[in-house]
């Protein structure tokens, strides 16, 4: 019996590999080789995680299909948001918007999730392709999250 299960698993794995190859060929044909590479880079997702030292930092980018379970934050933008650059260079912790990031990470941890996503800091808005792709991907990112927290 175990060999039957293994054979079914291997068959499914081969089918998945063929599907991935067909999808890549399809995207190449629509986007062209150069645009496909740009799209793949932009479709990656960065996530927040608390480091061993207790600080919140970005991890990734994660390739589509390899994104770990995460929580996502729904909020309104306010003054002094902590953005991608602020989080990378460590200057955003004193901004009012960092409280929302802490809230999301803390709530995710209470739910057993290591990763979180907040649009203000997980997207590099200085990269036009990444920003545009992120906006177009947000519905799926919300849909695929394990939990969605609202910050009111």
N, C-alpha and C. Protein backbone atom coordinates (compact mmCIF):
# COMPACT_ATOMS: atom_id res chain seq x y z
N UNK A 1 0.81 -1.21 0.00
CA UNK A 1 0.00 0.00 0.00
C UNK A 1 0.85 1.27 0.00
N UNK A 2 1.90 1.40 0.80
CA UNK A 2 2.71 2.62 0.79
C UNK A 2 3.29 2.93 -0.59
N UNK A 3 3.65 1.90 -1.38
CA UNK A 3 4.20 2.17 -2.71
C UNK A 3 3.13 2.76 -3.62
N UNK A 4 1.85 2.39 -3.44
CA UNK A 4 0.77 2.99 -4.22
C UNK A 4 0.65 4.48 -3.91
N UNK A 5 0.74 4.80 -2.65
CA UNK A 5 0.65 6.21 -2.24
C UNK A 5 1.83 6.99 -2.81
N UNK A 6 3.02 6.41 -2.73
CA UNK A 6 4.21 7.06 -3.27
C UNK A 6 4.08 7.27 -4.77
N UNK A 7 3.59 6.26 -5.48
CA UNK A 7 3.42 6.39 -6.93
C UNK A 7 2.40 7.48 -7.28
N UNK A 8 1.32 7.56 -6.52
CA UNK A 8 0.32 8.61 -6.76
C UNK A 8 0.93 9.98 -6.50
N UNK A 9 1.69 10.06 -5.43
CA UNK A 9 2.36 11.33 -5.09
C UNK A 9 3.31 11.75 -6.21
N UNK A 10 4.11 10.82 -6.70
CA UNK A 10 5.07 11.14 -7.76
C UNK A 10 4.35 11.53 -9.05
N UNK A 11 3.24 10.88 -9.35
CA UNK A 11 2.45 11.24 -10.53
C UNK A 11 1.92 12.66 -10.40
N UNK A 12 1.37 12.99 -9.22
CA UNK A 12 0.86 14.34 -8.99
C UNK A 12 1.97 15.37 -9.08
N UNK A 13 3.13 15.04 -8.55
CA UNK A 13 4.27 15.95 -8.61
C UNK A 13 4.69 16.21 -10.05
N UNK A 14 4.73 15.17 -10.87
CA UNK A 14 5.08 15.35 -12.29
C UNK A 14 4.04 16.21 -13.00
N UNK A 15 2.76 15.98 -12.68
CA UNK A 15 1.69 16.78 -13.29
C UNK A 15 1.83 18.25 -12.89
N UNK A 16 2.17 18.48 -11.64
CA UNK A 16 2.36 19.85 -11.17
C UNK A 16 3.53 20.51 -11.88
N UNK A 17 4.62 19.78 -12.06
CA UNK A 17 5.78 20.33 -12.77
C UNK A 17 5.42 20.70 -14.20
N UNK A 18 4.64 19.86 -14.87
CA UNK A 18 4.21 20.14 -16.24
C UNK A 18 3.32 21.39 -16.26
N UNK A 19 2.43 21.48 -15.28
CA UNK A 19 1.54 22.65 -15.20
C UNK A 19 2.35 23.93 -14.98
N UNK A 20 3.33 23.89 -14.13
CA UNK A 20 4.18 25.05 -13.88
C UNK A 20 4.92 25.45 -15.16
N UNK A 21 5.46 24.48 -15.87
CA UNK A 21 6.17 24.77 -17.11
C UNK A 21 5.23 25.38 -18.15
N UNK A 22 4.01 24.84 -18.25
CA UNK A 22 3.04 25.39 -19.20
C UNK A 22 2.67 26.82 -18.83
N UNK A 23 2.50 27.07 -17.54
CA UNK A 23 2.17 28.41 -17.08
C UNK A 23 3.30 29.39 -17.40
N UNK A 24 4.54 28.97 -17.16
CA UNK A 24 5.68 29.83 -17.47
C UNK A 24 5.76 30.12 -18.96
N UNK A 25 5.54 29.12 -19.80
CA UNK A 25 5.55 29.33 -21.25
C UNK A 25 4.45 30.29 -21.67
N UNK A 26 3.28 30.14 -21.07
CA UNK A 26 2.16 31.03 -21.37
C UNK A 26 2.51 32.47 -21.00
N UNK A 27 3.04 32.67 -19.80
CA UNK A 27 3.41 34.02 -19.36
C UNK A 27 4.51 34.60 -20.24
N UNK A 28 5.49 33.78 -20.63
CA UNK A 28 6.55 34.24 -21.53
C UNK A 28 5.93 34.72 -22.83
N UNK A 29 4.96 33.96 -23.36
CA UNK A 29 4.37 34.32 -24.65
C UNK A 29 3.58 35.62 -24.56
N UNK A 30 2.95 35.87 -23.44
CA UNK A 30 2.15 37.10 -23.28
C UNK A 30 3.04 38.30 -22.95
N UNK A 31 3.94 38.11 -22.00
CA UNK A 31 4.73 39.23 -21.50
C UNK A 31 6.04 39.47 -22.24
N UNK A 32 6.55 38.45 -22.88
CA UNK A 32 7.89 38.54 -23.45
C UNK A 32 8.90 38.21 -22.36
N UNK A 33 10.09 37.77 -22.75
CA UNK A 33 11.09 37.29 -21.80
C UNK A 33 11.48 38.35 -20.77
N UNK A 34 11.78 39.56 -21.23
CA UNK A 34 12.24 40.60 -20.31
C UNK A 34 11.14 41.01 -19.33
N UNK A 35 9.93 41.22 -19.85
CA UNK A 35 8.82 41.61 -18.98
C UNK A 35 8.44 40.50 -18.02
N UNK A 36 8.59 39.24 -18.45
CA UNK A 36 8.30 38.11 -17.58
C UNK A 36 9.22 38.15 -16.36
N UNK A 37 10.51 38.39 -16.58
CA UNK A 37 11.47 38.46 -15.47
C UNK A 37 11.12 39.60 -14.52
N UNK A 38 10.74 40.75 -15.07
CA UNK A 38 10.35 41.89 -14.24
C UNK A 38 9.11 41.52 -13.43
N UNK A 39 8.14 40.86 -14.07
CA UNK A 39 6.90 40.49 -13.38
C UNK A 39 7.17 39.50 -12.26
N UNK A 40 8.01 38.49 -12.53
CA UNK A 40 8.34 37.49 -11.51
C UNK A 40 9.00 38.17 -10.30
N UNK A 41 9.93 39.07 -10.56
CA UNK A 41 10.59 39.78 -9.46
C UNK A 41 9.58 40.59 -8.66
N UNK A 42 8.68 41.26 -9.36
CA UNK A 42 7.72 42.13 -8.69
C UNK A 42 6.63 41.35 -7.96
N UNK A 43 6.36 40.13 -8.39
CA UNK A 43 5.29 39.33 -7.78
C UNK A 43 5.71 38.71 -6.45
N UNK A 44 6.96 38.85 -6.11
CA UNK A 44 7.43 38.32 -4.84
C UNK A 44 6.86 39.13 -3.68
N UNK A 45 6.74 38.49 -2.54
CA UNK A 45 6.10 39.12 -1.38
C UNK A 45 7.07 39.17 -0.21
N UNK A 46 7.21 40.34 0.38
CA UNK A 46 7.99 40.48 1.61
C UNK A 46 7.04 40.37 2.79
N UNK A 47 7.53 39.80 3.88
CA UNK A 47 6.72 39.65 5.09
C UNK A 47 7.48 40.16 6.30
N UNK A 48 6.74 40.52 7.31
CA UNK A 48 7.32 40.96 8.58
C UNK A 48 7.46 39.77 9.52
N UNK A 49 8.53 39.79 10.31
CA UNK A 49 8.75 38.74 11.32
C UNK A 49 9.58 39.35 12.45
N UNK A 50 9.29 38.90 13.65
CA UNK A 50 10.08 39.35 14.80
C UNK A 50 11.37 38.54 14.84
N UNK A 51 12.50 39.24 14.88
CA UNK A 51 13.82 38.59 14.96
C UNK A 51 14.06 38.04 16.36
N UNK A 52 15.12 37.28 16.49
CA UNK A 52 15.51 36.74 17.80
C UNK A 52 15.78 37.84 18.82
N UNK A 53 16.22 39.01 18.32
CA UNK A 53 16.50 40.13 19.23
C UNK A 53 15.24 40.93 19.59
N UNK A 54 14.08 40.49 19.09
CA UNK A 54 12.81 41.14 19.43
C UNK A 54 12.38 42.23 18.46
N UNK A 55 13.25 42.61 17.55
CA UNK A 55 12.90 43.65 16.57
C UNK A 55 12.10 43.07 15.42
N UNK A 56 11.25 43.90 14.86
CA UNK A 56 10.45 43.50 13.70
C UNK A 56 11.22 43.87 12.45
N UNK A 57 11.35 42.92 11.54
CA UNK A 57 12.11 43.15 10.32
C UNK A 57 11.42 42.47 9.14
N UNK A 58 11.83 42.88 7.94
CA UNK A 58 11.31 42.27 6.73
C UNK A 58 12.08 41.00 6.40
N UNK A 59 11.38 40.01 5.91
CA UNK A 59 12.00 38.79 5.39
C UNK A 59 11.50 38.57 3.98
N UNK A 60 12.32 37.88 3.20
CA UNK A 60 11.94 37.62 1.82
C UNK A 60 12.79 38.48 0.91
N UNK A 61 12.38 38.63 -0.31
CA UNK A 61 11.05 38.32 -0.81
C UNK A 61 10.85 36.82 -1.03
N UNK A 62 9.61 36.39 -0.82
CA UNK A 62 9.21 35.01 -1.04
C UNK A 62 8.66 34.87 -2.45
N UNK A 63 9.05 33.79 -3.10
CA UNK A 63 8.55 33.49 -4.44
C UNK A 63 7.09 33.09 -4.35
N UNK A 64 6.29 33.40 -5.38
CA UNK A 64 4.93 32.87 -5.39
C UNK A 64 4.96 31.34 -5.25
N UNK A 65 4.11 30.81 -4.42
CA UNK A 65 4.09 29.37 -4.18
C UNK A 65 4.94 28.93 -3.00
N UNK A 66 5.75 29.84 -2.47
CA UNK A 66 6.59 29.49 -1.31
C UNK A 66 6.30 30.41 -0.13
N UNK A 67 5.22 31.15 -0.21
CA UNK A 67 4.89 32.13 0.83
C UNK A 67 4.35 31.40 2.05
N UNK A 68 4.97 31.62 3.22
CA UNK A 68 4.50 30.93 4.44
C UNK A 68 3.18 31.53 4.93
N UNK A 69 2.48 30.84 5.83
CA UNK A 69 1.24 31.39 6.39
C UNK A 69 1.51 32.74 7.04
N UNK A 70 0.59 33.68 6.86
CA UNK A 70 0.79 35.03 7.37
C UNK A 70 -0.54 35.67 7.73
N UNK A 71 -0.45 36.71 8.55
CA UNK A 71 -1.59 37.57 8.86
C UNK A 71 -1.42 38.85 8.06
N UNK A 72 -2.52 39.53 7.82
CA UNK A 72 -2.48 40.75 7.03
C UNK A 72 -3.25 41.84 7.78
N UNK A 73 -2.86 43.07 7.58
CA UNK A 73 -3.49 44.17 8.30
C UNK A 73 -4.32 45.03 7.35
N UNK A 74 -5.56 45.26 7.74
CA UNK A 74 -6.42 46.21 7.04
C UNK A 74 -6.49 47.47 7.90
N UNK A 75 -6.20 48.60 7.30
CA UNK A 75 -6.12 49.84 8.08
C UNK A 75 -6.31 51.03 7.16
N UNK A 76 -6.45 52.18 7.76
CA UNK A 76 -6.45 53.41 6.98
C UNK A 76 -5.07 54.06 7.14
N UNK A 77 -4.64 54.68 6.08
CA UNK A 77 -3.35 55.37 6.13
C UNK A 77 -3.51 56.66 6.92
N UNK A 78 -2.50 56.95 7.70
CA UNK A 78 -2.52 58.17 8.50
C UNK A 78 -1.23 58.95 8.31
N UNK A 79 -1.01 59.84 9.23
CA UNK A 79 0.22 60.62 9.16
C UNK A 79 1.36 59.77 9.73
N UNK A 80 2.54 60.02 9.29
CA UNK A 80 3.74 59.35 9.79
C UNK A 80 3.69 57.83 9.70
N UNK A 81 3.38 57.32 8.50
CA UNK A 81 3.43 55.87 8.31
C UNK A 81 4.88 55.41 8.25
N UNK A 82 5.13 54.23 8.72
CA UNK A 82 6.45 53.60 8.63
C UNK A 82 6.49 52.87 7.29
N UNK A 83 7.35 53.33 6.39
CA UNK A 83 7.39 52.73 5.05
C UNK A 83 8.54 51.72 4.92
N UNK A 84 8.68 51.20 3.71
CA UNK A 84 9.70 50.19 3.41
C UNK A 84 11.10 50.67 3.80
N UNK A 85 11.44 51.87 3.34
CA UNK A 85 12.78 52.41 3.63
C UNK A 85 12.99 52.58 5.13
N UNK A 86 11.97 53.10 5.82
CA UNK A 86 12.07 53.30 7.27
C UNK A 86 12.35 51.99 7.99
N UNK A 87 11.65 50.94 7.58
CA UNK A 87 11.83 49.66 8.24
C UNK A 87 13.21 49.07 7.94
N UNK A 88 13.65 49.24 6.69
CA UNK A 88 14.97 48.71 6.31
C UNK A 88 16.11 49.41 7.03
N UNK A 89 16.01 50.73 7.17
CA UNK A 89 17.12 51.44 7.81
C UNK A 89 16.91 51.70 9.30
N UNK A 90 15.81 51.20 9.85
CA UNK A 90 15.58 51.28 11.30
C UNK A 90 15.11 52.62 11.81
N UNK A 91 14.67 53.50 10.91
CA UNK A 91 14.25 54.84 11.35
C UNK A 91 12.75 54.97 11.60
N UNK A 92 11.98 53.91 11.35
CA UNK A 92 10.53 54.02 11.45
C UNK A 92 9.93 53.69 12.79
N UNK A 93 10.72 53.21 13.73
CA UNK A 93 10.17 52.77 15.01
C UNK A 93 9.57 53.89 15.84
N UNK A 94 9.99 55.11 15.58
CA UNK A 94 9.46 56.26 16.33
C UNK A 94 8.25 56.90 15.64
N UNK A 95 7.88 56.39 14.48
CA UNK A 95 6.75 56.96 13.76
C UNK A 95 5.44 56.41 14.32
N UNK A 96 4.39 57.23 14.25
CA UNK A 96 3.07 56.83 14.74
C UNK A 96 2.60 55.55 14.06
N UNK A 97 2.84 55.41 12.77
CA UNK A 97 2.39 54.26 12.01
C UNK A 97 3.02 52.94 12.42
N UNK A 98 4.14 53.00 13.14
CA UNK A 98 4.79 51.75 13.57
C UNK A 98 3.93 51.00 14.57
N UNK A 99 3.05 51.72 15.30
CA UNK A 99 2.15 51.05 16.25
C UNK A 99 1.26 50.03 15.56
N UNK A 100 0.83 50.34 14.34
CA UNK A 100 -0.01 49.41 13.58
C UNK A 100 0.77 48.14 13.21
N UNK A 101 2.02 48.34 12.87
CA UNK A 101 2.87 47.20 12.51
C UNK A 101 3.07 46.30 13.72
N UNK A 102 3.37 46.91 14.87
CA UNK A 102 3.53 46.13 16.11
C UNK A 102 2.24 45.38 16.43
N UNK A 103 1.11 46.07 16.29
CA UNK A 103 -0.19 45.45 16.55
C UNK A 103 -0.38 44.20 15.70
N UNK A 104 -0.12 44.30 14.41
CA UNK A 104 -0.32 43.18 13.51
C UNK A 104 0.59 42.01 13.86
N UNK A 105 1.86 42.30 14.11
CA UNK A 105 2.82 41.24 14.45
C UNK A 105 2.43 40.57 15.77
N UNK A 106 2.04 41.36 16.76
CA UNK A 106 1.65 40.80 18.05
C UNK A 106 0.41 39.93 17.93
N UNK A 107 -0.59 40.39 17.19
CA UNK A 107 -1.81 39.61 17.03
C UNK A 107 -1.53 38.31 16.27
N UNK A 108 -0.68 38.40 15.24
CA UNK A 108 -0.31 37.20 14.48
C UNK A 108 0.38 36.18 15.38
N UNK A 109 1.29 36.66 16.20
CA UNK A 109 2.00 35.76 17.12
C UNK A 109 1.03 35.09 18.08
N UNK A 110 0.02 35.83 18.56
CA UNK A 110 -0.98 35.24 19.45
C UNK A 110 -1.76 34.13 18.75
N UNK A 111 -1.88 34.23 17.44
CA UNK A 111 -2.59 33.22 16.64
C UNK A 111 -1.66 32.12 16.15
N UNK A 112 -0.39 32.17 16.55
CA UNK A 112 0.56 31.14 16.14
C UNK A 112 1.18 31.37 14.77
N UNK A 113 1.09 32.59 14.25
CA UNK A 113 1.67 32.90 12.94
C UNK A 113 2.96 33.69 13.12
N UNK A 114 3.98 33.27 12.43
CA UNK A 114 5.29 33.95 12.51
C UNK A 114 5.36 35.20 11.63
N UNK A 115 4.57 35.22 10.57
CA UNK A 115 4.71 36.27 9.57
C UNK A 115 3.46 37.15 9.49
N UNK A 116 3.70 38.40 9.08
CA UNK A 116 2.63 39.39 8.90
C UNK A 116 2.93 40.21 7.66
N UNK A 117 1.89 40.86 7.16
CA UNK A 117 2.05 41.75 6.01
C UNK A 117 1.27 43.02 6.25
N UNK A 118 1.95 44.15 6.06
CA UNK A 118 1.33 45.47 6.18
C UNK A 118 1.78 46.26 4.95
N UNK A 119 0.82 46.80 4.21
CA UNK A 119 1.15 47.44 2.93
C UNK A 119 2.10 48.62 3.06
N UNK A 120 2.01 49.36 4.14
CA UNK A 120 2.83 50.57 4.27
C UNK A 120 4.32 50.28 4.24
N UNK A 121 4.72 49.10 4.74
CA UNK A 121 6.16 48.83 4.86
C UNK A 121 6.64 47.59 4.10
N UNK A 122 5.75 46.76 3.62
CA UNK A 122 6.18 45.55 2.91
C UNK A 122 6.32 45.75 1.41
N UNK A 123 5.92 46.91 0.92
CA UNK A 123 6.02 47.24 -0.51
C UNK A 123 7.01 48.39 -0.67
N UNK A 124 7.94 48.22 -1.58
CA UNK A 124 8.88 49.30 -1.90
C UNK A 124 8.20 50.22 -2.91
N UNK A 125 7.63 51.30 -2.42
CA UNK A 125 6.88 52.21 -3.29
C UNK A 125 7.77 53.01 -4.23
N UNK A 126 9.07 52.99 -4.02
CA UNK A 126 9.97 53.69 -4.94
C UNK A 126 10.21 52.87 -6.20
N UNK A 127 9.84 51.59 -6.19
CA UNK A 127 9.97 50.71 -7.35
C UNK A 127 8.59 50.66 -8.02
N UNK A 128 8.45 51.34 -9.15
CA UNK A 128 7.15 51.48 -9.81
C UNK A 128 6.55 50.13 -10.22
N UNK A 129 7.36 49.22 -10.72
CA UNK A 129 6.86 47.91 -11.13
C UNK A 129 6.38 47.13 -9.92
N UNK A 130 7.17 47.12 -8.86
CA UNK A 130 6.78 46.41 -7.65
C UNK A 130 5.49 47.00 -7.07
N UNK A 131 5.41 48.32 -7.04
CA UNK A 131 4.24 48.99 -6.48
C UNK A 131 2.98 48.63 -7.28
N UNK A 132 3.07 48.70 -8.59
CA UNK A 132 1.94 48.38 -9.46
C UNK A 132 1.52 46.91 -9.31
N UNK A 133 2.50 46.01 -9.30
CA UNK A 133 2.20 44.59 -9.14
C UNK A 133 1.59 44.30 -7.79
N UNK A 134 2.09 44.96 -6.76
CA UNK A 134 1.54 44.77 -5.41
C UNK A 134 0.08 45.21 -5.34
N UNK A 135 -0.22 46.33 -5.95
CA UNK A 135 -1.61 46.80 -5.95
C UNK A 135 -2.51 45.78 -6.64
N UNK A 136 -2.04 45.24 -7.76
CA UNK A 136 -2.83 44.25 -8.49
C UNK A 136 -2.88 42.91 -7.78
N UNK A 137 -1.97 42.65 -6.85
CA UNK A 137 -1.92 41.38 -6.13
C UNK A 137 -2.63 41.43 -4.78
N UNK A 138 -2.99 42.60 -4.33
CA UNK A 138 -3.51 42.74 -2.97
C UNK A 138 -4.75 41.90 -2.69
N UNK A 139 -5.66 41.81 -3.64
CA UNK A 139 -6.85 41.00 -3.41
C UNK A 139 -6.45 39.57 -3.06
N UNK A 140 -5.54 39.01 -3.85
CA UNK A 140 -5.08 37.63 -3.59
C UNK A 140 -4.33 37.54 -2.27
N UNK A 141 -3.54 38.55 -1.94
CA UNK A 141 -2.79 38.53 -0.69
C UNK A 141 -3.73 38.55 0.51
N UNK A 142 -4.80 39.34 0.41
CA UNK A 142 -5.79 39.33 1.49
C UNK A 142 -6.51 37.99 1.53
N UNK A 143 -6.88 37.49 0.37
CA UNK A 143 -7.61 36.22 0.28
C UNK A 143 -6.77 35.06 0.81
N UNK A 144 -5.48 35.07 0.56
CA UNK A 144 -4.61 33.95 0.95
C UNK A 144 -4.07 34.06 2.37
N UNK A 145 -4.35 35.15 3.04
CA UNK A 145 -3.85 35.28 4.42
C UNK A 145 -4.61 34.34 5.35
N UNK A 146 -3.93 33.93 6.41
CA UNK A 146 -4.57 33.08 7.41
C UNK A 146 -5.52 33.88 8.28
N UNK A 147 -5.15 35.12 8.56
CA UNK A 147 -5.95 36.02 9.40
C UNK A 147 -5.84 37.42 8.82
N UNK A 148 -6.92 38.19 8.97
CA UNK A 148 -6.89 39.59 8.61
C UNK A 148 -7.32 40.38 9.83
N UNK A 149 -6.46 41.28 10.26
CA UNK A 149 -6.74 42.13 11.42
C UNK A 149 -7.09 43.53 10.92
N UNK A 150 -8.06 44.14 11.59
CA UNK A 150 -8.44 45.51 11.27
C UNK A 150 -7.91 46.42 12.36
N UNK A 151 -7.28 47.50 11.94
CA UNK A 151 -6.76 48.48 12.88
C UNK A 151 -7.59 49.74 12.70
N UNK A 152 -8.42 50.03 13.69
CA UNK A 152 -9.35 51.16 13.59
C UNK A 152 -8.90 52.35 14.40
